[in-house]
Amino acid sequence: MDRTDPAPAPRPAGRPRSQEADLAIMTAALDLLIEVGAVQLSIEQVARRAGVTRATVYRRFAGKTELLARTLEWANHDHNPAFVGWRDVEHMVGDIATYLTDPRHRRLLRRLYGSVDDYPELLATYRKVNGGRRAALVRQTLCQAQELGRLAPDADVDVTQEILSAAVLAHIGTRPDGESTEEIKAYLLRILEAVGYR
């Protein structure tokens, strides 16, 4: 008589699998970071919202800083490896403006810059995951504009890029969250025009 291996037993109901718990924990951490900020956020709050125990969170993350840093890596919005840049400066600024119309994105940026004294690792992580490749593509777009005569030949591209970044921070800090993509794009283009873009 042939012997066959028994079918695997069905997974019992109960606690979520590891990947499900990871997703629930980081989703809860990101939402709470946006809602209350890093200082007010606690592991207990994250566990409660994720539907897991504090022990489950601590098995994965040594503490709040590691949890939030890894959450920012996971939430990296610029994860498309096929993205190779923008057609021109207008296209680039329009993309930035679209990102800035989302109140969650704006609030996240404010939370990160507001926590720089207490949790500098968070802003460093955000810059690493969102700034490395994307920053290089911004610089490439500005250099292309300069080669085409759209940016003044004596303009310092690195400084221009810094000014654009500062304009983004100024906008999320001083302008209302309800502005449209076109309004934000016009604001950023005015900044660039002031430093030699035409």
N, C-alpha and C. Protein backbone atom coordinates (compact mmCIF):
# COMPACT_ATOMS: atom_id res chain seq x y z
N MET A 1 0.84 -1.19 0.00
CA MET A 1 0.00 0.00 0.00
C MET A 1 0.88 1.25 0.00
N ASP A 2 0.62 2.15 -0.98
CA ASP A 2 1.42 3.37 -1.06
C ASP A 2 1.12 4.29 0.11
N ARG A 3 2.19 4.96 0.53
CA ARG A 3 2.03 5.90 1.64
C ARG A 3 2.23 7.32 1.12
N THR A 4 1.33 8.17 1.43
CA THR A 4 1.45 9.57 0.99
C THR A 4 1.60 10.46 2.20
N ASP A 5 2.30 11.59 1.98
CA ASP A 5 2.46 12.55 3.07
C ASP A 5 1.12 13.20 3.38
N PRO A 6 0.84 13.44 4.65
CA PRO A 6 -0.43 14.09 4.98
C PRO A 6 -0.44 15.54 4.51
N ALA A 7 -1.60 16.02 4.19
CA ALA A 7 -1.74 17.42 3.76
C ALA A 7 -1.39 18.32 4.93
N PRO A 8 -0.76 19.47 4.66
CA PRO A 8 -0.42 20.38 5.76
C PRO A 8 -1.68 20.86 6.47
N ALA A 9 -1.55 20.99 7.75
CA ALA A 9 -2.70 21.44 8.54
C ALA A 9 -2.99 22.90 8.22
N PRO A 10 -4.26 23.26 8.17
CA PRO A 10 -4.58 24.67 7.90
C PRO A 10 -4.07 25.55 9.03
N ARG A 11 -3.69 26.81 8.64
CA ARG A 11 -3.18 27.74 9.63
C ARG A 11 -4.29 28.13 10.59
N PRO A 12 -4.04 28.00 11.88
CA PRO A 12 -5.09 28.34 12.84
C PRO A 12 -5.38 29.83 12.85
N ALA A 13 -6.62 30.15 13.17
CA ALA A 13 -6.98 31.57 13.28
C ALA A 13 -6.33 32.15 14.52
N GLY A 14 -6.17 33.45 14.53
CA GLY A 14 -5.57 34.07 15.71
C GLY A 14 -4.65 35.19 15.31
N ARG A 15 -3.47 35.24 15.90
CA ARG A 15 -2.53 36.32 15.62
C ARG A 15 -2.13 36.35 14.16
N PRO A 16 -1.92 37.54 13.61
CA PRO A 16 -1.55 37.63 12.20
C PRO A 16 -0.15 37.07 11.97
N ARG A 17 0.07 36.66 10.74
CA ARG A 17 1.40 36.18 10.36
C ARG A 17 2.40 37.31 10.48
N SER A 18 3.67 36.97 10.40
CA SER A 18 4.73 37.94 10.59
C SER A 18 4.59 39.13 9.64
N GLN A 19 4.40 38.86 8.34
CA GLN A 19 4.31 39.96 7.38
C GLN A 19 3.08 40.82 7.63
N GLU A 20 2.00 40.19 8.03
CA GLU A 20 0.78 40.94 8.33
C GLU A 20 0.99 41.84 9.54
N ALA A 21 1.68 41.30 10.54
CA ALA A 21 1.98 42.11 11.73
C ALA A 21 2.91 43.26 11.38
N ASP A 22 3.93 43.00 10.57
CA ASP A 22 4.85 44.06 10.15
C ASP A 22 4.09 45.20 9.48
N LEU A 23 3.21 44.83 8.55
CA LEU A 23 2.44 45.83 7.82
C LEU A 23 1.54 46.62 8.76
N ALA A 24 0.86 45.91 9.65
CA ALA A 24 -0.04 46.58 10.60
C ALA A 24 0.72 47.53 11.51
N ILE A 25 1.90 47.10 11.97
CA ILE A 25 2.69 47.93 12.90
C ILE A 25 3.20 49.18 12.19
N MET A 26 3.75 49.02 10.99
CA MET A 26 4.32 50.19 10.31
C MET A 26 3.24 51.13 9.79
N THR A 27 2.10 50.58 9.39
CA THR A 27 0.98 51.44 9.00
C THR A 27 0.52 52.28 10.18
N ALA A 28 0.39 51.62 11.34
CA ALA A 28 -0.02 52.34 12.55
C ALA A 28 1.02 53.39 12.94
N ALA A 29 2.29 53.03 12.84
CA ALA A 29 3.36 53.97 13.21
C ALA A 29 3.36 55.19 12.30
N LEU A 30 3.18 54.98 11.00
CA LEU A 30 3.17 56.11 10.06
C LEU A 30 1.97 57.01 10.33
N ASP A 31 0.81 56.41 10.53
CA ASP A 31 -0.39 57.21 10.80
C ASP A 31 -0.22 58.03 12.07
N LEU A 32 0.32 57.42 13.11
CA LEU A 32 0.48 58.13 14.38
C LEU A 32 1.57 59.20 14.30
N LEU A 33 2.63 58.92 13.53
CA LEU A 33 3.66 59.93 13.34
C LEU A 33 3.05 61.18 12.71
N ILE A 34 2.20 60.99 11.72
CA ILE A 34 1.55 62.11 11.04
C ILE A 34 0.55 62.80 11.98
N GLU A 35 -0.19 62.01 12.75
CA GLU A 35 -1.24 62.57 13.59
C GLU A 35 -0.71 63.29 14.84
N VAL A 36 0.24 62.67 15.55
CA VAL A 36 0.65 63.23 16.84
C VAL A 36 2.12 63.61 16.91
N GLY A 37 2.94 63.17 15.94
CA GLY A 37 4.35 63.49 15.95
C GLY A 37 5.18 62.49 16.73
N ALA A 38 6.47 62.52 16.50
CA ALA A 38 7.37 61.53 17.09
C ALA A 38 7.43 61.63 18.60
N VAL A 39 7.42 62.84 19.14
CA VAL A 39 7.57 63.01 20.59
C VAL A 39 6.39 62.39 21.33
N GLN A 40 5.18 62.62 20.83
CA GLN A 40 3.98 62.13 21.52
C GLN A 40 3.67 60.67 21.22
N LEU A 41 4.22 60.13 20.16
CA LEU A 41 3.93 58.75 19.78
C LEU A 41 4.58 57.78 20.76
N SER A 42 3.88 56.68 21.05
CA SER A 42 4.43 55.66 21.94
C SER A 42 4.27 54.27 21.32
N ILE A 43 5.11 53.35 21.75
CA ILE A 43 5.01 51.97 21.29
C ILE A 43 3.65 51.39 21.67
N GLU A 44 3.16 51.74 22.83
CA GLU A 44 1.85 51.23 23.28
C GLU A 44 0.74 51.68 22.33
N GLN A 45 0.80 52.95 21.90
CA GLN A 45 -0.21 53.45 20.94
C GLN A 45 -0.14 52.68 19.63
N VAL A 46 1.08 52.45 19.16
CA VAL A 46 1.26 51.74 17.89
C VAL A 46 0.70 50.33 18.01
N ALA A 47 1.06 49.63 19.09
CA ALA A 47 0.59 48.26 19.29
C ALA A 47 -0.93 48.20 19.33
N ARG A 48 -1.54 49.14 20.07
CA ARG A 48 -2.99 49.15 20.19
C ARG A 48 -3.65 49.34 18.82
N ARG A 49 -3.15 50.30 18.06
CA ARG A 49 -3.76 50.57 16.76
C ARG A 49 -3.51 49.42 15.78
N ALA A 50 -2.36 48.79 15.88
CA ALA A 50 -2.03 47.69 14.97
C ALA A 50 -2.72 46.39 15.36
N GLY A 51 -3.28 46.33 16.55
CA GLY A 51 -3.94 45.12 17.00
C GLY A 51 -2.99 44.02 17.42
N VAL A 52 -1.82 44.43 17.94
CA VAL A 52 -0.82 43.45 18.40
C VAL A 52 -0.40 43.84 19.82
N THR A 53 0.41 43.01 20.43
CA THR A 53 0.91 43.32 21.76
C THR A 53 2.18 44.17 21.66
N ARG A 54 2.52 44.82 22.76
CA ARG A 54 3.77 45.57 22.80
C ARG A 54 4.95 44.64 22.56
N ALA A 55 4.86 43.42 23.08
CA ALA A 55 5.95 42.45 22.90
C ALA A 55 6.16 42.15 21.42
N THR A 56 5.08 42.10 20.66
CA THR A 56 5.19 41.84 19.22
C THR A 56 5.97 42.97 18.55
N VAL A 57 5.70 44.20 18.95
CA VAL A 57 6.42 45.34 18.38
C VAL A 57 7.90 45.27 18.77
N TYR A 58 8.18 45.01 20.04
CA TYR A 58 9.56 44.99 20.52
C TYR A 58 10.36 43.81 19.98
N ARG A 59 9.68 42.75 19.56
CA ARG A 59 10.41 41.64 18.92
C ARG A 59 10.96 42.08 17.56
N ARG A 60 10.36 43.09 16.97
CA ARG A 60 10.75 43.54 15.63
C ARG A 60 11.62 44.80 15.66
N PHE A 61 11.39 45.64 16.67
CA PHE A 61 12.07 46.93 16.72
C PHE A 61 12.60 47.16 18.13
N ALA A 62 13.83 47.64 18.21
CA ALA A 62 14.46 47.85 19.52
C ALA A 62 13.79 48.97 20.31
N GLY A 63 13.20 49.91 19.62
CA GLY A 63 12.57 51.03 20.30
C GLY A 63 11.87 51.93 19.30
N LYS A 64 11.39 53.06 19.78
CA LYS A 64 10.61 53.97 18.94
C LYS A 64 11.41 54.52 17.76
N THR A 65 12.65 54.91 18.01
CA THR A 65 13.45 55.49 16.93
C THR A 65 13.65 54.51 15.80
N GLU A 66 14.00 53.27 16.13
CA GLU A 66 14.19 52.26 15.07
C GLU A 66 12.88 51.99 14.35
N LEU A 67 11.79 51.90 15.10
CA LEU A 67 10.49 51.66 14.48
C LEU A 67 10.15 52.75 13.47
N LEU A 68 10.32 54.01 13.87
CA LEU A 68 9.95 55.11 12.98
C LEU A 68 10.90 55.21 11.79
N ALA A 69 12.19 54.98 12.02
CA ALA A 69 13.14 55.04 10.91
C ALA A 69 12.82 53.96 9.88
N ARG A 70 12.55 52.76 10.33
CA ARG A 70 12.23 51.68 9.39
C ARG A 70 10.88 51.90 8.73
N THR A 71 9.97 52.53 9.44
CA THR A 71 8.67 52.85 8.85
C THR A 71 8.85 53.85 7.70
N LEU A 72 9.72 54.84 7.89
CA LEU A 72 9.97 55.81 6.82
C LEU A 72 10.61 55.15 5.61
N GLU A 73 11.49 54.19 5.84
CA GLU A 73 12.10 53.44 4.73
C GLU A 73 11.02 52.67 3.98
N TRP A 74 10.13 52.02 4.74
CA TRP A 74 9.05 51.23 4.14
C TRP A 74 8.09 52.13 3.36
N ALA A 75 7.84 53.33 3.88
CA ALA A 75 6.85 54.21 3.25
C ALA A 75 7.43 55.05 2.13
N ASN A 76 8.68 54.81 1.77
CA ASN A 76 9.34 55.60 0.73
C ASN A 76 8.46 55.70 -0.50
N HIS A 77 8.03 56.91 -0.83
CA HIS A 77 7.12 57.10 -1.97
C HIS A 77 7.83 57.01 -3.32
N ASP A 78 9.14 57.16 -3.32
CA ASP A 78 9.88 57.17 -4.60
C ASP A 78 10.55 55.81 -4.77
N HIS A 79 9.73 54.76 -4.91
CA HIS A 79 10.27 53.40 -4.95
C HIS A 79 10.26 52.80 -6.34
N ASN A 80 9.87 53.59 -7.34
CA ASN A 80 9.76 53.05 -8.70
C ASN A 80 11.13 53.04 -9.37
N PRO A 81 11.75 51.85 -9.54
CA PRO A 81 13.09 51.81 -10.13
C PRO A 81 13.11 52.23 -11.60
N ALA A 82 11.92 52.23 -12.23
CA ALA A 82 11.86 52.60 -13.65
C ALA A 82 11.85 54.12 -13.85
N PHE A 83 11.66 54.88 -12.77
CA PHE A 83 11.60 56.34 -12.90
C PHE A 83 12.99 56.88 -13.21
N VAL A 84 13.10 57.62 -14.30
CA VAL A 84 14.42 58.12 -14.73
C VAL A 84 14.47 59.64 -14.79
N GLY A 85 13.44 60.31 -14.30
CA GLY A 85 13.48 61.75 -14.28
C GLY A 85 12.31 62.41 -14.97
N TRP A 86 12.44 63.73 -15.17
CA TRP A 86 11.35 64.53 -15.73
C TRP A 86 11.75 65.07 -17.10
N ARG A 87 10.74 65.44 -17.88
CA ARG A 87 11.00 65.99 -19.22
C ARG A 87 11.73 67.31 -19.14
N ASP A 88 11.32 68.15 -18.18
CA ASP A 88 11.88 69.50 -18.04
C ASP A 88 11.54 70.01 -16.65
N VAL A 89 11.93 71.25 -16.38
CA VAL A 89 11.72 71.83 -15.06
C VAL A 89 10.23 71.94 -14.74
N GLU A 90 9.41 72.35 -15.71
CA GLU A 90 7.98 72.47 -15.47
C GLU A 90 7.37 71.13 -15.06
N HIS A 91 7.78 70.08 -15.73
CA HIS A 91 7.30 68.73 -15.39
C HIS A 91 7.74 68.36 -13.97
N MET A 92 8.99 68.65 -13.64
CA MET A 92 9.51 68.34 -12.31
C MET A 92 8.76 69.11 -11.23
N VAL A 93 8.60 70.42 -11.44
CA VAL A 93 7.92 71.25 -10.45
C VAL A 93 6.46 70.84 -10.31
N GLY A 94 5.84 70.45 -11.41
CA GLY A 94 4.47 69.97 -11.35
C GLY A 94 4.35 68.69 -10.52
N ASP A 95 5.34 67.82 -10.64
CA ASP A 95 5.36 66.58 -9.86
C ASP A 95 5.51 66.89 -8.37
N ILE A 96 6.42 67.82 -8.06
CA ILE A 96 6.60 68.23 -6.66
C ILE A 96 5.32 68.85 -6.13
N ALA A 97 4.69 69.70 -6.93
CA ALA A 97 3.46 70.37 -6.51
C ALA A 97 2.35 69.35 -6.25
N THR A 98 2.25 68.34 -7.10
CA THR A 98 1.24 67.29 -6.90
C THR A 98 1.46 66.58 -5.57
N TYR A 99 2.71 66.28 -5.27
CA TYR A 99 3.03 65.63 -3.99
C TYR A 99 2.62 66.52 -2.82
N LEU A 100 2.84 67.82 -2.96
CA LEU A 100 2.56 68.76 -1.87
C LEU A 100 1.08 69.09 -1.72
N THR A 101 0.24 68.66 -2.63
CA THR A 101 -1.20 68.88 -2.45
C THR A 101 -1.81 67.88 -1.49
N ASP A 102 -1.10 66.81 -1.18
CA ASP A 102 -1.61 65.80 -0.25
C ASP A 102 -1.35 66.27 1.18
N PRO A 103 -2.39 66.52 1.97
CA PRO A 103 -2.18 67.00 3.35
C PRO A 103 -1.34 66.05 4.20
N ARG A 104 -1.42 64.74 3.94
CA ARG A 104 -0.61 63.79 4.72
C ARG A 104 0.87 63.99 4.44
N HIS A 105 1.22 64.23 3.19
CA HIS A 105 2.62 64.47 2.86
C HIS A 105 3.12 65.75 3.53
N ARG A 106 2.31 66.79 3.48
CA ARG A 106 2.70 68.06 4.08
C ARG A 106 2.87 67.92 5.59
N ARG A 107 1.92 67.24 6.22
CA ARG A 107 1.98 67.07 7.68
C ARG A 107 3.17 66.21 8.07
N LEU A 108 3.45 65.16 7.28
CA LEU A 108 4.60 64.31 7.57
C LEU A 108 5.89 65.13 7.53
N LEU A 109 6.04 65.96 6.51
CA LEU A 109 7.25 66.79 6.42
C LEU A 109 7.35 67.75 7.60
N ARG A 110 6.24 68.34 8.00
CA ARG A 110 6.26 69.23 9.16
C ARG A 110 6.63 68.47 10.42
N ARG A 111 6.09 67.27 10.57
CA ARG A 111 6.41 66.45 11.75
C ARG A 111 7.89 66.11 11.78
N LEU A 112 8.45 65.76 10.64
CA LEU A 112 9.86 65.36 10.60
C LEU A 112 10.77 66.53 10.92
N TYR A 113 10.51 67.68 10.31
CA TYR A 113 11.35 68.84 10.59
C TYR A 113 11.12 69.36 12.01
N GLY A 114 9.93 69.17 12.54
CA GLY A 114 9.66 69.58 13.91
C GLY A 114 10.30 68.69 14.95
N SER A 115 10.70 67.48 14.55
CA SER A 115 11.30 66.54 15.51
C SER A 115 12.82 66.46 15.38
N VAL A 116 13.41 67.38 14.63
CA VAL A 116 14.83 67.27 14.31
C VAL A 116 15.72 67.35 15.55
N ASP A 117 15.31 68.07 16.58
CA ASP A 117 16.12 68.16 17.80
C ASP A 117 16.03 66.88 18.63
N ASP A 118 14.83 66.31 18.72
CA ASP A 118 14.62 65.13 19.56
C ASP A 118 14.91 63.82 18.83
N TYR A 119 14.61 63.78 17.54
CA TYR A 119 14.81 62.56 16.75
C TYR A 119 15.47 62.88 15.41
N PRO A 120 16.72 63.32 15.43
CA PRO A 120 17.38 63.70 14.17
C PRO A 120 17.52 62.54 13.20
N GLU A 121 17.48 61.30 13.71
CA GLU A 121 17.61 60.14 12.83
C GLU A 121 16.45 60.05 11.83
N LEU A 122 15.31 60.56 12.21
CA LEU A 122 14.13 60.44 11.34
C LEU A 122 14.28 61.29 10.09
N LEU A 123 14.69 62.54 10.27
CA LEU A 123 14.89 63.40 9.10
C LEU A 123 16.03 62.87 8.24
N ALA A 124 17.08 62.36 8.88
CA ALA A 124 18.20 61.78 8.13
C ALA A 124 17.74 60.59 7.30
N THR A 125 16.87 59.76 7.88
CA THR A 125 16.35 58.61 7.15
C THR A 125 15.48 59.05 5.99
N TYR A 126 14.61 60.02 6.24
CA TYR A 126 13.74 60.52 5.18
C TYR A 126 14.56 61.08 4.02
N ARG A 127 15.59 61.84 4.35
CA ARG A 127 16.45 62.40 3.30
C ARG A 127 17.17 61.30 2.53
N LYS A 128 17.58 60.25 3.25
CA LYS A 128 18.30 59.17 2.58
C LYS A 128 17.40 58.43 1.59
N VAL A 129 16.19 58.07 2.04
CA VAL A 129 15.34 57.26 1.17
C VAL A 129 14.64 58.07 0.10
N ASN A 130 14.39 59.36 0.36
CA ASN A 130 13.70 60.19 -0.61
C ASN A 130 14.62 61.15 -1.34
N GLY A 131 15.81 61.34 -0.81
CA GLY A 131 16.67 62.38 -1.35
C GLY A 131 17.79 61.92 -2.25
N GLY A 132 18.29 60.71 -2.05
CA GLY A 132 19.47 60.29 -2.80
C GLY A 132 19.29 60.32 -4.30
N ARG A 133 18.56 59.35 -4.81
CA ARG A 133 18.36 59.24 -6.26
C ARG A 133 17.52 60.40 -6.78
N ARG A 134 16.50 60.77 -6.03
CA ARG A 134 15.62 61.85 -6.48
C ARG A 134 16.37 63.17 -6.55
N ALA A 135 17.23 63.44 -5.57
CA ALA A 135 18.01 64.68 -5.59
C ALA A 135 18.92 64.73 -6.80
N ALA A 136 19.50 63.59 -7.15
CA ALA A 136 20.36 63.54 -8.34
C ALA A 136 19.57 63.84 -9.60
N LEU A 137 18.31 63.38 -9.65
CA LEU A 137 17.48 63.64 -10.83
C LEU A 137 17.04 65.11 -10.88
N VAL A 138 16.82 65.72 -9.72
CA VAL A 138 16.51 67.16 -9.70
C VAL A 138 17.70 67.93 -10.25
N ARG A 139 18.89 67.60 -9.79
CA ARG A 139 20.09 68.29 -10.27
C ARG A 139 20.26 68.09 -11.78
N GLN A 140 20.02 66.88 -12.23
CA GLN A 140 20.13 66.58 -13.67
C GLN A 140 19.17 67.44 -14.48
N THR A 141 17.94 67.61 -13.97
CA THR A 141 16.94 68.42 -14.67
C THR A 141 17.35 69.90 -14.71
N LEU A 142 17.90 70.39 -13.61
CA LEU A 142 18.36 71.78 -13.58
C LEU A 142 19.56 71.98 -14.51
N CYS A 143 20.47 71.03 -14.55
CA CYS A 143 21.62 71.11 -15.46
C CYS A 143 21.17 71.12 -16.91
N GLN A 144 20.18 70.27 -17.21
CA GLN A 144 19.64 70.22 -18.57
C GLN A 144 19.02 71.57 -18.95
N ALA A 145 18.30 72.19 -18.00
CA ALA A 145 17.70 73.50 -18.26
C ALA A 145 18.78 74.54 -18.53
N GLN A 146 19.89 74.45 -17.80
CA GLN A 146 20.99 75.39 -18.01
C GLN A 146 21.62 75.20 -19.39
N GLU A 147 21.79 73.95 -19.80
CA GLU A 147 22.35 73.66 -21.12
C GLU A 147 21.46 74.18 -22.23
N LEU A 148 20.13 74.17 -21.98
CA LEU A 148 19.17 74.63 -22.98
C LEU A 148 18.94 76.14 -22.93
N GLY A 149 19.62 76.82 -22.01
CA GLY A 149 19.47 78.26 -21.89
C GLY A 149 18.26 78.70 -21.09
N ARG A 150 17.60 77.77 -20.40
CA ARG A 150 16.43 78.11 -19.59
C ARG A 150 16.83 78.58 -18.19
N LEU A 151 18.02 78.19 -17.76
CA LEU A 151 18.56 78.64 -16.48
C LEU A 151 19.81 79.45 -16.77
N ALA A 152 19.96 80.58 -16.11
CA ALA A 152 21.08 81.48 -16.38
C ALA A 152 22.40 80.73 -16.37
N PRO A 153 23.29 81.02 -17.33
CA PRO A 153 24.55 80.28 -17.42
C PRO A 153 25.45 80.44 -16.20
N ASP A 154 25.29 81.55 -15.48
CA ASP A 154 26.13 81.76 -14.29
C ASP A 154 25.43 81.31 -13.01
N ALA A 155 24.25 80.70 -13.14
CA ALA A 155 23.54 80.22 -11.95
C ALA A 155 24.26 79.00 -11.37
N ASP A 156 24.38 78.97 -10.06
CA ASP A 156 24.96 77.83 -9.37
C ASP A 156 23.86 76.78 -9.21
N VAL A 157 24.00 75.65 -9.91
CA VAL A 157 22.95 74.63 -9.91
C VAL A 157 22.72 74.07 -8.51
N ASP A 158 23.80 73.86 -7.76
CA ASP A 158 23.66 73.30 -6.41
C ASP A 158 22.89 74.27 -5.50
N VAL A 159 23.21 75.54 -5.61
CA VAL A 159 22.51 76.54 -4.80
C VAL A 159 21.05 76.65 -5.24
N THR A 160 20.82 76.59 -6.54
CA THR A 160 19.45 76.63 -7.06
C THR A 160 18.63 75.47 -6.51
N GLN A 161 19.25 74.30 -6.44
CA GLN A 161 18.56 73.14 -5.89
C GLN A 161 18.25 73.33 -4.40
N GLU A 162 19.19 73.90 -3.68
CA GLU A 162 18.97 74.19 -2.26
C GLU A 162 17.82 75.19 -2.08
N ILE A 163 17.78 76.18 -2.94
CA ILE A 163 16.72 77.19 -2.86
C ILE A 163 15.36 76.55 -3.14
N LEU A 164 15.31 75.63 -4.10
CA LEU A 164 14.06 74.93 -4.41
C LEU A 164 13.60 74.11 -3.20
N SER A 165 14.54 73.41 -2.57
CA SER A 165 14.20 72.63 -1.37
C SER A 165 13.69 73.53 -0.25
N ALA A 166 14.35 74.67 -0.08
CA ALA A 166 13.92 75.62 0.95
C ALA A 166 12.53 76.17 0.64
N ALA A 167 12.24 76.35 -0.64
CA ALA A 167 10.92 76.85 -1.03
C ALA A 167 9.83 75.84 -0.67
N VAL A 168 10.14 74.55 -0.83
CA VAL A 168 9.18 73.51 -0.45
C VAL A 168 8.89 73.60 1.05
N LEU A 169 9.94 73.73 1.86
CA LEU A 169 9.76 73.83 3.31
C LEU A 169 9.01 75.10 3.68
N ALA A 170 9.31 76.20 3.00
CA ALA A 170 8.60 77.45 3.27
C ALA A 170 7.12 77.29 2.96
N HIS A 171 6.83 76.58 1.88
CA HIS A 171 5.43 76.42 1.49
C HIS A 171 4.66 75.60 2.51
N ILE A 172 5.21 74.46 2.94
CA ILE A 172 4.47 73.62 3.89
C ILE A 172 4.37 74.28 5.26
N GLY A 173 5.27 75.24 5.53
CA GLY A 173 5.25 75.90 6.83
C GLY A 173 4.44 77.17 6.89
N THR A 174 4.21 77.79 5.72
CA THR A 174 3.56 79.10 5.74
C THR A 174 2.30 79.20 4.90
N ARG A 175 2.10 78.25 4.01
CA ARG A 175 0.92 78.33 3.13
C ARG A 175 -0.16 77.35 3.59
N PRO A 176 -1.42 77.64 3.28
CA PRO A 176 -2.51 76.73 3.67
C PRO A 176 -2.42 75.40 2.92
N ASP A 177 -2.90 74.34 3.58
CA ASP A 177 -2.82 73.02 2.97
C ASP A 177 -3.76 72.84 1.79
N GLY A 178 -4.71 73.71 1.62
CA GLY A 178 -5.71 73.52 0.57
C GLY A 178 -5.34 74.06 -0.80
N GLU A 179 -4.12 74.56 -0.99
CA GLU A 179 -3.77 75.12 -2.29
C GLU A 179 -3.74 74.04 -3.36
N SER A 180 -4.05 74.43 -4.58
CA SER A 180 -4.10 73.49 -5.70
C SER A 180 -2.70 73.21 -6.24
N THR A 181 -2.63 72.18 -7.06
CA THR A 181 -1.36 71.85 -7.72
C THR A 181 -0.84 73.04 -8.52
N GLU A 182 -1.73 73.70 -9.25
CA GLU A 182 -1.31 74.83 -10.09
C GLU A 182 -0.81 76.00 -9.25
N GLU A 183 -1.43 76.25 -8.12
CA GLU A 183 -0.98 77.33 -7.24
C GLU A 183 0.39 77.04 -6.66
N ILE A 184 0.61 75.80 -6.26
CA ILE A 184 1.91 75.44 -5.70
C ILE A 184 2.98 75.47 -6.79
N LYS A 185 2.63 74.98 -7.98
CA LYS A 185 3.59 74.99 -9.09
C LYS A 185 3.98 76.43 -9.44
N ALA A 186 3.01 77.32 -9.48
CA ALA A 186 3.29 78.72 -9.80
C ALA A 186 4.21 79.34 -8.74
N TYR A 187 3.98 79.00 -7.49
CA TYR A 187 4.82 79.50 -6.39
C TYR A 187 6.27 79.04 -6.57
N LEU A 188 6.45 77.76 -6.84
CA LEU A 188 7.81 77.22 -6.99
C LEU A 188 8.51 77.79 -8.22
N LEU A 189 7.75 77.98 -9.31
CA LEU A 189 8.35 78.56 -10.51
C LEU A 189 8.77 80.01 -10.27
N ARG A 190 8.00 80.76 -9.47
CA ARG A 190 8.38 82.14 -9.16
C ARG A 190 9.70 82.16 -8.40
N ILE A 191 9.89 81.21 -7.51
CA ILE A 191 11.16 81.12 -6.78
C ILE A 191 12.30 80.85 -7.75
N LEU A 192 12.11 79.91 -8.65
CA LEU A 192 13.17 79.58 -9.62
C LEU A 192 13.44 80.75 -10.56
N GLU A 193 12.39 81.46 -10.95
CA GLU A 193 12.59 82.62 -11.84
C GLU A 193 13.41 83.71 -11.14
N ALA A 194 13.28 83.79 -9.82
CA ALA A 194 14.04 84.79 -9.08
C ALA A 194 15.52 84.49 -9.04
N VAL A 195 15.89 83.22 -9.32
CA VAL A 195 17.32 82.87 -9.33
C VAL A 195 17.80 82.56 -10.74
N GLY A 196 17.06 83.02 -11.76
CA GLY A 196 17.59 82.96 -13.11
C GLY A 196 16.94 81.96 -14.05
N TYR A 197 15.81 81.36 -13.66
CA TYR A 197 15.12 80.43 -14.57
C TYR A 197 14.16 81.23 -15.43
N ARG A 198 14.07 80.85 -16.70
CA ARG A 198 13.15 81.54 -17.60
C ARG A 198 12.60 80.57 -18.64
